[in-house]
C-alpha atoms as a PDB file:
ATOM      1  CA  UNK A   1       0.000   0.000   0.000  1.00  0.00           C
ATOM      2  CA  UNK A   2       1.448   3.386  -0.919  1.00  0.00           C
ATOM      3  CA  UNK A   3       1.945   6.122   1.688  1.00  0.00           C
ATOM      4  CA  UNK A   4      -0.760   8.369   0.215  1.00  0.00           C
ATOM      5  CA  UNK A   5      -3.456   5.702   0.497  1.00  0.00           C
ATOM      6  CA  UNK A   6      -2.260   4.766   3.979  1.00  0.00           C
ATOM      7  CA  UNK A   7      -2.383   8.379   5.201  1.00  0.00           C
ATOM      8  CA  UNK A   8      -5.728   8.988   3.530  1.00  0.00           C
ATOM      9  CA  UNK A   9      -7.124   5.904   5.241  1.00  0.00           C
ATOM     10  CA  UNK A  10      -5.851   7.142   8.600  1.00  0.00           C
ATOM     11  CA  UNK A  11      -7.524  10.504   7.964  1.00  0.00           C
ATOM     12  CA  UNK A  12     -10.847   8.908   7.017  1.00  0.00           C
ATOM     13  CA  UNK A  13     -10.753   6.705  10.111  1.00  0.00           C
ATOM     14  CA  UNK A  14     -10.316   9.740  12.342  1.00  0.00           C
ATOM     15  CA  UNK A  15      -6.694   9.035  13.184  1.00  0.00           C
ATOM     16  CA  UNK A  16      -4.618  12.157  13.245  1.00  0.00           C
ATOM     17  CA  UNK A  17      -1.684  12.784  10.976  1.00  0.00           C
ATOM     18  CA  UNK A  18       1.237  14.989  11.801  1.00  0.00           C
ATOM     19  CA  UNK A  19       1.340  18.462  10.304  1.00  0.00           C
ATOM     20  CA  UNK A  20       4.077  17.313   7.935  1.00  0.00           C
ATOM     21  CA  UNK A  21       1.973  14.333   6.812  1.00  0.00           C
ATOM     22  CA  UNK A  22      -1.047  16.572   6.224  1.00  0.00           C
ATOM     23  CA  UNK A  23       0.975  19.035   4.145  1.00  0.00           C
ATOM     24  CA  UNK A  24       2.599  16.280   2.112  1.00  0.00           C
ATOM     25  CA  UNK A  25      -0.745  14.585   1.536  1.00  0.00           C
ATOM     26  CA  UNK A  26      -2.310  17.863   0.377  1.00  0.00           C
ATOM     27  CA  UNK A  27       0.671  18.640  -1.846  1.00  0.00           C
ATOM     28  CA  UNK A  28       0.475  15.236  -3.529  1.00  0.00           C
ATOM     29  CA  UNK A  29      -3.242  15.634  -4.198  1.00  0.00           C
ATOM     30  CA  UNK A  30      -2.812  19.171  -5.532  1.00  0.00           C
ATOM     31  CA  UNK A  31       0.163  18.146  -7.661  1.00  0.00           C
ATOM     32  CA  UNK A  32      -1.946  15.628  -9.607  1.00  0.00           C
ATOM     33  CA  UNK A  33      -4.927  17.940 -10.286  1.00  0.00           C
ATOM     34  CA  UNK A  34      -5.776  19.150 -13.754  1.00  0.00           C
ATOM     35  CA  UNK A  35      -5.775  22.913 -14.338  1.00  0.00           C
ATOM     36  CA  UNK A  36      -9.546  23.404 -13.983  1.00  0.00           C
ATOM     37  CA  UNK A  37      -9.732  21.548 -10.678  1.00  0.00           C
ATOM     38  CA  UNK A  38      -6.649  23.401  -9.433  1.00  0.00           C
ATOM     39  CA  UNK A  39      -8.250  26.774 -10.216  1.00  0.00           C
ATOM     40  CA  UNK A  40     -11.455  25.648  -8.485  1.00  0.00           C
ATOM     41  CA  UNK A  41      -9.509  24.598  -5.388  1.00  0.00           C
ATOM     42  CA  UNK A  42      -7.621  27.890  -5.403  1.00  0.00           C
ATOM     43  CA  UNK A  43     -10.932  29.792  -5.384  1.00  0.00           C
ATOM     44  CA  UNK A  44     -12.278  27.673  -2.543  1.00  0.00           C
ATOM     45  CA  UNK A  45      -9.113  28.135  -0.488  1.00  0.00           C
ATOM     46  CA  UNK A  46      -9.061  31.888  -1.143  1.00  0.00           C
ATOM     47  CA  UNK A  47     -12.681  32.217  -0.025  1.00  0.00           C
ATOM     48  CA  UNK A  48     -12.025  30.103   3.058  1.00  0.00           C
ATOM     49  CA  UNK A  49      -9.008  32.164   4.091  1.00  0.00           C
ATOM     50  CA  UNK A  50     -10.863  35.424   3.460  1.00  0.00           C
ATOM     51  CA  UNK A  51     -13.770  34.255   5.597  1.00  0.00           C
ATOM     52  CA  UNK A  52     -11.362  33.420   8.421  1.00  0.00           C
ATOM     53  CA  UNK A  53      -9.972  36.966   8.202  1.00  0.00           C
ATOM     54  CA  UNK A  54     -13.495  38.376   8.249  1.00  0.00           C
ATOM     55  CA  UNK A  55     -14.260  36.417  11.415  1.00  0.00           C
ATOM     56  CA  UNK A  56     -11.101  37.786  13.016  1.00  0.00           C
ATOM     57  CA  UNK A  57     -12.063  41.338  12.020  1.00  0.00           C
ATOM     58  CA  UNK A  58     -15.593  40.840  13.392  1.00  0.00           C
ATOM     59  CA  UNK A  59     -14.188  39.999  16.817  1.00  0.00           C
ATOM     60  CA  UNK A  60     -12.259  43.287  16.785  1.00  0.00           C
ATOM     61  CA  UNK A  61     -15.471  45.323  16.465  1.00  0.00           C
ATOM     62  CA  UNK A  62     -17.178  46.698  19.546  1.00  0.00           C
ATOM     63  CA  UNK A  63     -20.528  45.250  20.590  1.00  0.00           C
ATOM     64  CA  UNK A  64     -22.210  48.468  19.419  1.00  0.00           C
ATOM     65  CA  UNK A  65     -20.575  48.201  15.984  1.00  0.00           C
ATOM     66  CA  UNK A  66     -21.606  44.546  15.660  1.00  0.00           C
ATOM     67  CA  UNK A  67     -25.207  45.389  16.609  1.00  0.00           C
ATOM     68  CA  UNK A  68     -25.239  48.228  14.066  1.00  0.00           C
ATOM     69  CA  UNK A  69     -24.072  45.934  11.287  1.00  0.00           C
ATOM     70  CA  UNK A  70     -26.571  43.218  12.206  1.00  0.00           C
ATOM     71  CA  UNK A  71     -29.347  45.810  12.343  1.00  0.00           C
ATOM     72  CA  UNK A  72     -28.389  47.105   8.894  1.00  0.00           C
ATOM     73  CA  UNK A  73     -28.435  43.565   7.491  1.00  0.00           C
ATOM     74  CA  UNK A  74     -31.900  42.968   8.955  1.00  0.00           C
ATOM     75  CA  UNK A  75     -33.164  46.229   7.433  1.00  0.00           C
ATOM     76  CA  UNK A  76     -31.727  45.314   4.048  1.00  0.00           C
ATOM     77  CA  UNK A  77     -33.279  41.843   4.173  1.00  0.00           C
ATOM     78  CA  UNK A  78     -36.645  43.450   5.030  1.00  0.00           C
ATOM     79  CA  UNK A  79     -36.165  45.761   2.018  1.00  0.00           C
ATOM     80  CA  UNK A  80     -36.081  48.813   4.299  1.00  0.00           C
ATOM     81  CA  UNK A  81     -33.438  50.537   2.222  1.00  0.00           C
ATOM     82  CA  UNK A  82     -32.644  54.213   1.688  1.00  0.00           C
ATOM     83  CA  UNK A  83     -31.421  55.149  -1.780  1.00  0.00           C
ATOM     84  CA  UNK A  84     -27.978  56.614  -2.303  1.00  0.00           C
ATOM     85  CA  UNK A  85     -29.589  59.754  -3.698  1.00  0.00           C
ATOM     86  CA  UNK A  86     -31.678  60.257  -0.540  1.00  0.00           C
ATOM     87  CA  UNK A  87     -28.654  59.707   1.723  1.00  0.00           C
ATOM     88  CA  UNK A  88     -26.619  62.240  -0.249  1.00  0.00           C
ATOM     89  CA  UNK A  89     -29.440  64.804  -0.079  1.00  0.00           C
ATOM     90  CA  UNK A  90     -29.608  64.422   3.702  1.00  0.00           C
ATOM     91  CA  UNK A  91     -25.833  64.678   4.032  1.00  0.00           C
ATOM     92  CA  UNK A  92     -25.692  67.842   1.899  1.00  0.00           C
ATOM     93  CA  UNK A  93     -28.443  69.453   3.996  1.00  0.00           C
ATOM     94  CA  UNK A  94     -26.647  68.602   7.241  1.00  0.00           C
ATOM     95  CA  UNK A  95     -23.374  69.946   5.875  1.00  0.00           C
ATOM     96  CA  UNK A  96     -25.007  73.149   4.640  1.00  0.00           C
ATOM     97  CA  UNK A  97     -26.679  73.685   8.025  1.00  0.00           C
ATOM     98  CA  UNK A  98     -23.408  73.039   9.856  1.00  0.00           C
ATOM     99  CA  UNK A  99     -21.541  75.530   7.673  1.00  0.00           C
ATOM    100  CA  UNK A 100     -24.201  78.217   8.256  1.00  0.00           C
ATOM    101  CA  UNK A 101     -24.020  77.856  12.034  1.00  0.00           C
END
């Protein structure tokens, strides 16, 4: 039995591999992929790593910031949106009033 099959069997049976074995196993699988599958895997890995970064960034936000974002998502999902034009009109009015004061 070759080492790849042996390690893969250990993985499937829930037996842990060393970090070096995991990396080597992944490398061997990646090395035999055709170009389309390799590009697909690259996209999946990129998305996975980006989502991990997003989770890390989320934990850096204050509770108030997190609540604000969640509230905005709920409003958007309920189609309670304000158009860009309307937001800009309000901002211009506030700025004009502030400059006149």
